[in-house]
Amino acid sequence: MSEKFNFTMKFNVDKEKINEAEEILVNVYKALKEKGYNPINQLVGYILSGDPTYITSHNNARSLIRQLERDELLEELIKKYLENK
């Protein structure tokens, strides 16, 4: 069993899903901003808790964000952050 932990797992995400995640994040960000929320705080709250009430229903943002798994959102955020370094 300990041999199992000597290897790194590989995580692959479909490129189409990444583009979809980016588009959803941008739209949700805009909706939160339009409603006067701090989009970063609200998105962090959602990603950490999974509670969709952190996201406004304005412009269908809550439904949009729930189309993706939180790990997909987190992957997109990390990818974009590191690409710009």
PDB file of N, CA and C in Angstrom:
ATOM      1  N   MET A   1       0.806  -1.181   0.000  1.00  0.00           N
ATOM      2  CA  MET A   1       0.000   0.000   0.000  1.00  0.00           C
ATOM      3  C   MET A   1       0.862   1.263   0.000  1.00  0.00           C
ATOM      4  N   SER A   2       1.978   1.274   0.710  1.00  0.00           N
ATOM      5  CA  SER A   2       2.827   2.466   0.749  1.00  0.00           C
ATOM      6  C   SER A   2       3.432   2.768  -0.621  1.00  0.00           C
ATOM      7  N   GLU A   3       3.598   1.765  -1.483  1.00  0.00           N
ATOM      8  CA  GLU A   3       4.121   1.996  -2.828  1.00  0.00           C
ATOM      9  C   GLU A   3       3.176   2.882  -3.631  1.00  0.00           C
ATOM     10  N   LYS A   4       1.914   2.817  -3.339  1.00  0.00           N
ATOM     11  CA  LYS A   4       0.904   3.594  -4.039  1.00  0.00           C
ATOM     12  C   LYS A   4       1.146   5.102  -3.867  1.00  0.00           C
ATOM     13  N   PHE A   5       1.723   5.507  -2.762  1.00  0.00           N
ATOM     14  CA  PHE A   5       1.940   6.916  -2.477  1.00  0.00           C
ATOM     15  C   PHE A   5       3.267   7.430  -3.007  1.00  0.00           C
ATOM     16  N   ASN A   6       4.020   6.599  -3.708  1.00  0.00           N
ATOM     17  CA  ASN A   6       5.291   7.013  -4.276  1.00  0.00           C
ATOM     18  C   ASN A   6       5.139   7.582  -5.683  1.00  0.00           C
ATOM     19  N   PHE A   7       3.930   7.592  -6.201  1.00  0.00           N
ATOM     20  CA  PHE A   7       3.684   8.058  -7.556  1.00  0.00           C
ATOM     21  C   PHE A   7       2.809   9.304  -7.524  1.00  0.00           C
ATOM     22  N   THR A   8       3.001  10.165  -8.503  1.00  0.00           N
ATOM     23  CA  THR A   8       2.181  11.369  -8.632  1.00  0.00           C
ATOM     24  C   THR A   8       1.006  11.060  -9.537  1.00  0.00           C
ATOM     25  N   MET A   9      -0.171  11.403  -9.062  1.00  0.00           N
ATOM     26  CA  MET A   9      -1.377  11.226  -9.865  1.00  0.00           C
ATOM     27  C   MET A   9      -1.401  12.302 -10.939  1.00  0.00           C
ATOM     28  N   LYS A  10      -1.903  11.956 -12.107  1.00  0.00           N
ATOM     29  CA  LYS A  10      -2.027  12.926 -13.185  1.00  0.00           C
ATOM     30  C   LYS A  10      -3.497  13.296 -13.332  1.00  0.00           C
ATOM     31  N   PHE A  11      -3.760  14.591 -13.362  1.00  0.00           N
ATOM     32  CA  PHE A  11      -5.120  15.095 -13.460  1.00  0.00           C
ATOM     33  C   PHE A  11      -5.270  15.781 -14.805  1.00  0.00           C
ATOM     34  N   ASN A  12      -6.174  15.312 -15.630  1.00  0.00           N
ATOM     35  CA  ASN A  12      -6.392  15.891 -16.954  1.00  0.00           C
ATOM     36  C   ASN A  12      -7.774  16.519 -17.027  1.00  0.00           C
ATOM     37  N   VAL A  13      -7.826  17.683 -17.674  1.00  0.00           N
ATOM     38  CA  VAL A  13      -9.103  18.358 -17.883  1.00  0.00           C
ATOM     39  C   VAL A  13      -9.254  18.645 -19.364  1.00  0.00           C
ATOM     40  N   ASP A  14     -10.428  18.423 -19.850  1.00  0.00           N
ATOM     41  CA  ASP A  14     -10.767  18.678 -21.238  1.00  0.00           C
ATOM     42  C   ASP A  14     -10.628  20.178 -21.534  1.00  0.00           C
ATOM     43  N   LYS A  15      -9.943  20.541 -22.630  1.00  0.00           N
ATOM     44  CA  LYS A  15      -9.735  21.953 -22.985  1.00  0.00           C
ATOM     45  C   LYS A  15     -11.052  22.689 -23.196  1.00  0.00           C
ATOM     46  N   GLU A  16     -12.052  22.006 -23.690  1.00  0.00           N
ATOM     47  CA  GLU A  16     -13.367  22.619 -23.880  1.00  0.00           C
ATOM     48  C   GLU A  16     -13.948  23.051 -22.535  1.00  0.00           C
ATOM     49  N   LYS A  17     -13.758  22.214 -21.507  1.00  0.00           N
ATOM     50  CA  LYS A  17     -14.228  22.542 -20.163  1.00  0.00           C
ATOM     51  C   LYS A  17     -13.499  23.768 -19.617  1.00  0.00           C
ATOM     52  N   ILE A  18     -12.217  23.901 -19.928  1.00  0.00           N
ATOM     53  CA  ILE A  18     -11.439  25.045 -19.450  1.00  0.00           C
ATOM     54  C   ILE A  18     -11.982  26.330 -20.055  1.00  0.00           C
ATOM     55  N   ASN A  19     -12.265  26.338 -21.345  1.00  0.00           N
ATOM     56  CA  ASN A  19     -12.827  27.519 -21.992  1.00  0.00           C
ATOM     57  C   ASN A  19     -14.194  27.847 -21.416  1.00  0.00           C
ATOM     58  N   GLU A  20     -14.987  26.838 -21.150  1.00  0.00           N
ATOM     59  CA  GLU A  20     -16.305  27.028 -20.558  1.00  0.00           C
ATOM     60  C   GLU A  20     -16.162  27.622 -19.151  1.00  0.00           C
ATOM     61  N   ALA A  21     -15.226  27.125 -18.382  1.00  0.00           N
ATOM     62  CA  ALA A  21     -14.999  27.629 -17.026  1.00  0.00           C
ATOM     63  C   ALA A  21     -14.583  29.091 -17.064  1.00  0.00           C
ATOM     64  N   GLU A  22     -13.723  29.451 -17.978  1.00  0.00           N
ATOM     65  CA  GLU A  22     -13.282  30.838 -18.094  1.00  0.00           C
ATOM     66  C   GLU A  22     -14.463  31.749 -18.407  1.00  0.00           C
ATOM     67  N   GLU A  23     -15.274  31.356 -19.346  1.00  0.00           N
ATOM     68  CA  GLU A  23     -16.436  32.160 -19.737  1.00  0.00           C
ATOM     69  C   GLU A  23     -17.424  32.310 -18.570  1.00  0.00           C
ATOM     70  N   ILE A  24     -17.663  31.227 -17.866  1.00  0.00           N
ATOM     71  CA  ILE A  24     -18.580  31.269 -16.726  1.00  0.00           C
ATOM     72  C   ILE A  24     -18.029  32.168 -15.630  1.00  0.00           C
ATOM     73  N   LEU A  25     -16.751  32.040 -15.316  1.00  0.00           N
ATOM     74  CA  LEU A  25     -16.147  32.889 -14.284  1.00  0.00           C
ATOM     75  C   LEU A  25     -16.254  34.371 -14.629  1.00  0.00           C
ATOM     76  N   VAL A  26     -16.011  34.713 -15.868  1.00  0.00           N
ATOM     77  CA  VAL A  26     -16.087  36.117 -16.295  1.00  0.00           C
ATOM     78  C   VAL A  26     -17.520  36.623 -16.155  1.00  0.00           C
ATOM     79  N   ASN A  27     -18.491  35.836 -16.581  1.00  0.00           N
ATOM     80  CA  ASN A  27     -19.893  36.259 -16.497  1.00  0.00           C
ATOM     81  C   ASN A  27     -20.366  36.380 -15.052  1.00  0.00           C
ATOM     82  N   VAL A  28     -19.963  35.456 -14.213  1.00  0.00           N
ATOM     83  CA  VAL A  28     -20.344  35.513 -12.801  1.00  0.00           C
ATOM     84  C   VAL A  28     -19.673  36.715 -12.136  1.00  0.00           C
ATOM     85  N   TYR A  29     -18.424  36.950 -12.436  1.00  0.00           N
ATOM     86  CA  TYR A  29     -17.704  38.108 -11.910  1.00  0.00           C
ATOM     87  C   TYR A  29     -18.449  39.397 -12.251  1.00  0.00           C
ATOM     88  N   LYS A  30     -18.830  39.542 -13.515  1.00  0.00           N
ATOM     89  CA  LYS A  30     -19.539  40.745 -13.963  1.00  0.00           C
ATOM     90  C   LYS A  30     -20.874  40.900 -13.233  1.00  0.00           C
ATOM     91  N   ALA A  31     -21.603  39.812 -13.080  1.00  0.00           N
ATOM     92  CA  ALA A  31     -22.901  39.868 -12.403  1.00  0.00           C
ATOM     93  C   ALA A  31     -22.738  40.281 -10.953  1.00  0.00           C
ATOM     94  N   LEU A  32     -21.746  39.736 -10.272  1.00  0.00           N
ATOM     95  CA  LEU A  32     -21.494  40.101  -8.875  1.00  0.00           C
ATOM     96  C   LEU A  32     -21.117  41.580  -8.768  1.00  0.00           C
ATOM     97  N   LYS A  33     -20.278  42.029  -9.666  1.00  0.00           N
ATOM     98  CA  LYS A  33     -19.838  43.430  -9.679  1.00  0.00           C
ATOM     99  C   LYS A  33     -21.029  44.364  -9.909  1.00  0.00           C
ATOM    100  N   GLU A  34     -21.881  44.004 -10.876  1.00  0.00           N
ATOM    101  CA  GLU A  34     -23.060  44.808 -11.186  1.00  0.00           C
ATOM    102  C   GLU A  34     -23.991  44.956  -9.984  1.00  0.00           C
ATOM    103  N   LYS A  35     -24.051  43.930  -9.165  1.00  0.00           N
ATOM    104  CA  LYS A  35     -24.932  43.966  -7.995  1.00  0.00           C
ATOM    105  C   LYS A  35     -24.265  44.597  -6.774  1.00  0.00           C
ATOM    106  N   GLY A  36     -23.012  45.020  -6.920  1.00  0.00           N
ATOM    107  CA  GLY A  36     -22.334  45.724  -5.848  1.00  0.00           C
ATOM    108  C   GLY A  36     -21.585  44.842  -4.862  1.00  0.00           C
ATOM    109  N   TYR A  37     -21.423  43.573  -5.190  1.00  0.00           N
ATOM    110  CA  TYR A  37     -20.672  42.660  -4.328  1.00  0.00           C
ATOM    111  C   TYR A  37     -19.186  42.723  -4.661  1.00  0.00           C
ATOM    112  N   ASN A  38     -18.351  42.271  -3.730  1.00  0.00           N
ATOM    113  CA  ASN A  38     -16.935  42.089  -4.005  1.00  0.00           C
ATOM    114  C   ASN A  38     -16.824  40.705  -4.653  1.00  0.00           C
ATOM    115  N   PRO A  39     -16.624  40.646  -5.970  1.00  0.00           N
ATOM    116  CA  PRO A  39     -16.651  39.359  -6.675  1.00  0.00           C
ATOM    117  C   PRO A  39     -15.620  38.350  -6.172  1.00  0.00           C
ATOM    118  N   ILE A  40     -14.443  38.827  -5.799  1.00  0.00           N
ATOM    119  CA  ILE A  40     -13.401  37.914  -5.331  1.00  0.00           C
ATOM    120  C   ILE A  40     -13.836  37.239  -4.037  1.00  0.00           C
ATOM    121  N   ASN A  41     -14.307  38.040  -3.084  1.00  0.00           N
ATOM    122  CA  ASN A  41     -14.766  37.464  -1.815  1.00  0.00           C
ATOM    123  C   ASN A  41     -15.906  36.471  -2.021  1.00  0.00           C
ATOM    124  N   GLN A  42     -16.835  36.821  -2.879  1.00  0.00           N
ATOM    125  CA  GLN A  42     -17.991  35.956  -3.105  1.00  0.00           C
ATOM    126  C   GLN A  42     -17.568  34.636  -3.780  1.00  0.00           C
ATOM    127  N   LEU A  43     -16.682  34.736  -4.750  1.00  0.00           N
ATOM    128  CA  LEU A  43     -16.218  33.518  -5.436  1.00  0.00           C
ATOM    129  C   LEU A  43     -15.413  32.626  -4.499  1.00  0.00           C
ATOM    130  N   VAL A  44     -14.579  33.224  -3.676  1.00  0.00           N
ATOM    131  CA  VAL A  44     -13.814  32.436  -2.701  1.00  0.00           C
ATOM    132  C   VAL A  44     -14.780  31.731  -1.748  1.00  0.00           C
ATOM    133  N   GLY A  45     -15.766  32.457  -1.258  1.00  0.00           N
ATOM    134  CA  GLY A  45     -16.764  31.855  -0.370  1.00  0.00           C
ATOM    135  C   GLY A  45     -17.454  30.671  -1.022  1.00  0.00           C
ATOM    136  N   TYR A  46     -17.815  30.830  -2.287  1.00  0.00           N
ATOM    137  CA  TYR A  46     -18.471  29.731  -3.006  1.00  0.00           C
ATOM    138  C   TYR A  46     -17.540  28.541  -3.188  1.00  0.00           C
ATOM    139  N   ILE A  47     -16.318  28.796  -3.627  1.00  0.00           N
ATOM    140  CA  ILE A  47     -15.378  27.699  -3.891  1.00  0.00           C
ATOM    141  C   ILE A  47     -15.055  26.934  -2.608  1.00  0.00           C
ATOM    142  N   LEU A  48     -14.880  27.650  -1.518  1.00  0.00           N
ATOM    143  CA  LEU A  48     -14.545  26.983  -0.254  1.00  0.00           C
ATOM    144  C   LEU A  48     -15.723  26.216   0.342  1.00  0.00           C
ATOM    145  N   SER A  49     -16.909  26.778   0.242  1.00  0.00           N
ATOM    146  CA  SER A  49     -18.055  26.176   0.926  1.00  0.00           C
ATOM    147  C   SER A  49     -18.957  25.341   0.026  1.00  0.00           C
ATOM    148  N   GLY A  50     -19.008  25.686  -1.248  1.00  0.00           N
ATOM    149  CA  GLY A  50     -19.953  25.025  -2.144  1.00  0.00           C
ATOM    150  C   GLY A  50     -21.354  25.590  -2.024  1.00  0.00           C
ATOM    151  N   ASP A  51     -21.526  26.619  -1.207  1.00  0.00           N
ATOM    152  CA  ASP A  51     -22.842  27.222  -0.983  1.00  0.00           C
ATOM    153  C   ASP A  51     -23.152  28.207  -2.113  1.00  0.00           C
ATOM    154  N   PRO A  52     -24.134  27.894  -2.955  1.00  0.00           N
ATOM    155  CA  PRO A  52     -24.431  28.751  -4.104  1.00  0.00           C
ATOM    156  C   PRO A  52     -25.008  30.117  -3.731  1.00  0.00           C
ATOM    157  N   THR A  53     -25.412  30.310  -2.477  1.00  0.00           N
ATOM    158  CA  THR A  53     -25.960  31.617  -2.106  1.00  0.00           C
ATOM    159  C   THR A  53     -24.883  32.702  -2.055  1.00  0.00           C
ATOM    160  N   TYR A  54     -23.624  32.339  -2.166  1.00  0.00           N
ATOM    161  CA  TYR A  54     -22.558  33.335  -2.296  1.00  0.00           C
ATOM    162  C   TYR A  54     -22.621  34.026  -3.659  1.00  0.00           C
ATOM    163  N   ILE A  55     -23.320  33.413  -4.595  1.00  0.00           N
ATOM    164  CA  ILE A  55     -23.390  33.926  -5.963  1.00  0.00           C
ATOM    165  C   ILE A  55     -24.788  34.474  -6.223  1.00  0.00           C
ATOM    166  N   THR A  56     -24.844  35.686  -6.756  1.00  0.00           N
ATOM    167  CA  THR A  56     -26.121  36.306  -7.073  1.00  0.00           C
ATOM    168  C   THR A  56     -26.844  35.543  -8.175  1.00  0.00           C
ATOM    169  N   SER A  57     -28.152  35.663  -8.183  1.00  0.00           N
ATOM    170  CA  SER A  57     -28.929  35.064  -9.277  1.00  0.00           C
ATOM    171  C   SER A  57     -29.055  36.041 -10.451  1.00  0.00           C
ATOM    172  N   HIS A  58     -28.559  37.270 -10.267  1.00  0.00           N
ATOM    173  CA  HIS A  58     -28.560  38.292 -11.323  1.00  0.00           C
ATOM    174  C   HIS A  58     -27.884  37.745 -12.582  1.00  0.00           C
ATOM    175  N   ASN A  59     -28.508  37.954 -13.715  1.00  0.00           N
ATOM    176  CA  ASN A  59     -28.002  37.484 -15.016  1.00  0.00           C
ATOM    177  C   ASN A  59     -27.727  35.982 -15.027  1.00  0.00           C
ATOM    178  N   ASN A  60     -28.476  35.235 -14.224  1.00  0.00           N
ATOM    179  CA  ASN A  60     -28.383  33.776 -14.199  1.00  0.00           C
ATOM    180  C   ASN A  60     -27.026  33.263 -13.695  1.00  0.00           C
ATOM    181  N   ALA A  61     -26.315  34.112 -12.938  1.00  0.00           N
ATOM    182  CA  ALA A  61     -24.959  33.773 -12.492  1.00  0.00           C
ATOM    183  C   ALA A  61     -24.944  32.523 -11.604  1.00  0.00           C
ATOM    184  N   ARG A  62     -25.905  32.389 -10.718  1.00  0.00           N
ATOM    185  CA  ARG A  62     -25.919  31.237  -9.809  1.00  0.00           C
ATOM    186  C   ARG A  62     -26.089  29.931 -10.589  1.00  0.00           C
ATOM    187  N   SER A  63     -26.953  29.941 -11.578  1.00  0.00           N
ATOM    188  CA  SER A  63     -27.136  28.742 -12.403  1.00  0.00           C
ATOM    189  C   SER A  63     -25.889  28.440 -13.221  1.00  0.00           C
ATOM    190  N   LEU A  64     -25.265  29.482 -13.730  1.00  0.00           N
ATOM    191  CA  LEU A  64     -24.046  29.298 -14.523  1.00  0.00           C
ATOM    192  C   LEU A  64     -22.944  28.643 -13.701  1.00  0.00           C
ATOM    193  N   ILE A  65     -22.693  29.183 -12.507  1.00  0.00           N
ATOM    194  CA  ILE A  65     -21.571  28.691 -11.697  1.00  0.00           C
ATOM    195  C   ILE A  65     -21.777  27.240 -11.290  1.00  0.00           C
ATOM    196  N   ARG A  66     -23.029  26.842 -11.145  1.00  0.00           N
ATOM    197  CA  ARG A  66     -23.318  25.472 -10.725  1.00  0.00           C
ATOM    198  C   ARG A  66     -23.176  24.461 -11.862  1.00  0.00           C
ATOM    199  N   GLN A  67     -22.941  24.940 -13.075  1.00  0.00           N
ATOM    200  CA  GLN A  67     -22.708  24.040 -14.213  1.00  0.00           C
ATOM    201  C   GLN A  67     -21.341  23.380 -14.133  1.00  0.00           C
ATOM    202  N   LEU A  68     -20.463  23.960 -13.337  1.00  0.00           N
ATOM    203  CA  LEU A  68     -19.101  23.447 -13.211  1.00  0.00           C
ATOM    204  C   LEU A  68     -18.844  22.949 -11.805  1.00  0.00           C
ATOM    205  N   GLU A  69     -17.962  22.003 -11.698  1.00  0.00           N
ATOM    206  CA  GLU A  69     -17.517  21.535 -10.390  1.00  0.00           C
ATOM    207  C   GLU A  69     -16.546  22.571  -9.833  1.00  0.00           C
ATOM    208  N   ARG A  70     -16.489  22.672  -8.525  1.00  0.00           N
ATOM    209  CA  ARG A  70     -15.595  23.658  -7.902  1.00  0.00           C
ATOM    210  C   ARG A  70     -14.137  23.395  -8.245  1.00  0.00           C
ATOM    211  N   ASP A  71     -13.749  22.133  -8.434  1.00  0.00           N
ATOM    212  CA  ASP A  71     -12.357  21.856  -8.797  1.00  0.00           C
ATOM    213  C   ASP A  71     -12.033  22.395 -10.190  1.00  0.00           C
ATOM    214  N   GLU A  72     -13.019  22.419 -11.082  1.00  0.00           N
ATOM    215  CA  GLU A  72     -12.807  22.991 -12.414  1.00  0.00           C
ATOM    216  C   GLU A  72     -12.597  24.501 -12.320  1.00  0.00           C
ATOM    217  N   LEU A  73     -13.359  25.143 -11.462  1.00  0.00           N
ATOM    218  CA  LEU A  73     -13.192  26.582 -11.265  1.00  0.00           C
ATOM    219  C   LEU A  73     -11.823  26.889 -10.669  1.00  0.00           C
ATOM    220  N   LEU A  74     -11.456  26.116  -9.670  1.00  0.00           N
ATOM    221  CA  LEU A  74     -10.167  26.317  -9.025  1.00  0.00           C
ATOM    222  C   LEU A  74      -9.018  26.093 -10.004  1.00  0.00           C
ATOM    223  N   GLU A  75      -9.145  25.083 -10.832  1.00  0.00           N
ATOM    224  CA  GLU A  75      -8.103  24.820 -11.832  1.00  0.00           C
ATOM    225  C   GLU A  75      -7.953  25.997 -12.784  1.00  0.00           C
ATOM    226  N   GLU A  76      -9.074  26.546 -13.233  1.00  0.00           N
ATOM    227  CA  GLU A  76      -9.026  27.688 -14.149  1.00  0.00           C
ATOM    228  C   GLU A  76      -8.349  28.890 -13.487  1.00  0.00           C
ATOM    229  N   LEU A  77      -8.673  29.143 -12.243  1.00  0.00           N
ATOM    230  CA  LEU A  77      -8.074  30.267 -11.528  1.00  0.00           C
ATOM    231  C   LEU A  77      -6.568  30.086 -11.372  1.00  0.00           C
ATOM    232  N   ILE A  78      -6.140  28.902 -10.995  1.00  0.00           N
ATOM    233  CA  ILE A  78      -4.712  28.642 -10.816  1.00  0.00           C
ATOM    234  C   ILE A  78      -3.981  28.742 -12.146  1.00  0.00           C
ATOM    235  N   LYS A  79      -4.593  28.190 -13.182  1.00  0.00           N
ATOM    236  CA  LYS A  79      -3.979  28.226 -14.510  1.00  0.00           C
ATOM    237  C   LYS A  79      -3.759  29.660 -14.954  1.00  0.00           C
ATOM    238  N   LYS A  80      -4.777  30.486 -14.856  1.00  0.00           N
ATOM    239  CA  LYS A  80      -4.667  31.873 -15.301  1.00  0.00           C
ATOM    240  C   LYS A  80      -3.637  32.638 -14.453  1.00  0.00           C
ATOM    241  N   TYR A  81      -3.634  32.396 -13.185  1.00  0.00           N
ATOM    242  CA  TYR A  81      -2.685  33.068 -12.292  1.00  0.00           C
ATOM    243  C   TYR A  81      -1.251  32.724 -12.684  1.00  0.00           C
ATOM    244  N   LEU A  82      -0.978  31.450 -12.865  1.00  0.00           N
ATOM    245  CA  LEU A  82       0.391  31.020 -13.158  1.00  0.00           C
ATOM    246  C   LEU A  82       0.827  31.343 -14.579  1.00  0.00           C
ATOM    247  N   GLU A  83      -0.106  31.412 -15.511  1.00  0.00           N
ATOM    248  CA  GLU A  83       0.245  31.789 -16.880  1.00  0.00           C
ATOM    249  C   GLU A  83       0.789  33.209 -16.937  1.00  0.00           C
ATOM    250  N   ASN A  84       0.352  34.041 -16.036  1.00  0.00           N
ATOM    251  CA  ASN A  84       0.742  35.448 -16.043  1.00  0.00           C
ATOM    252  C   ASN A  84       1.994  35.713 -15.212  1.00  0.00           C
ATOM    253  N   LYS A  85       2.686  34.685 -14.786  1.00  0.00           N
ATOM    254  CA  LYS A  85       3.902  34.844 -13.974  1.00  0.00           C
ATOM    255  C   LYS A  85       5.129  34.683 -14.834  1.00  0.00           C
TER     256      LYS A  85
END
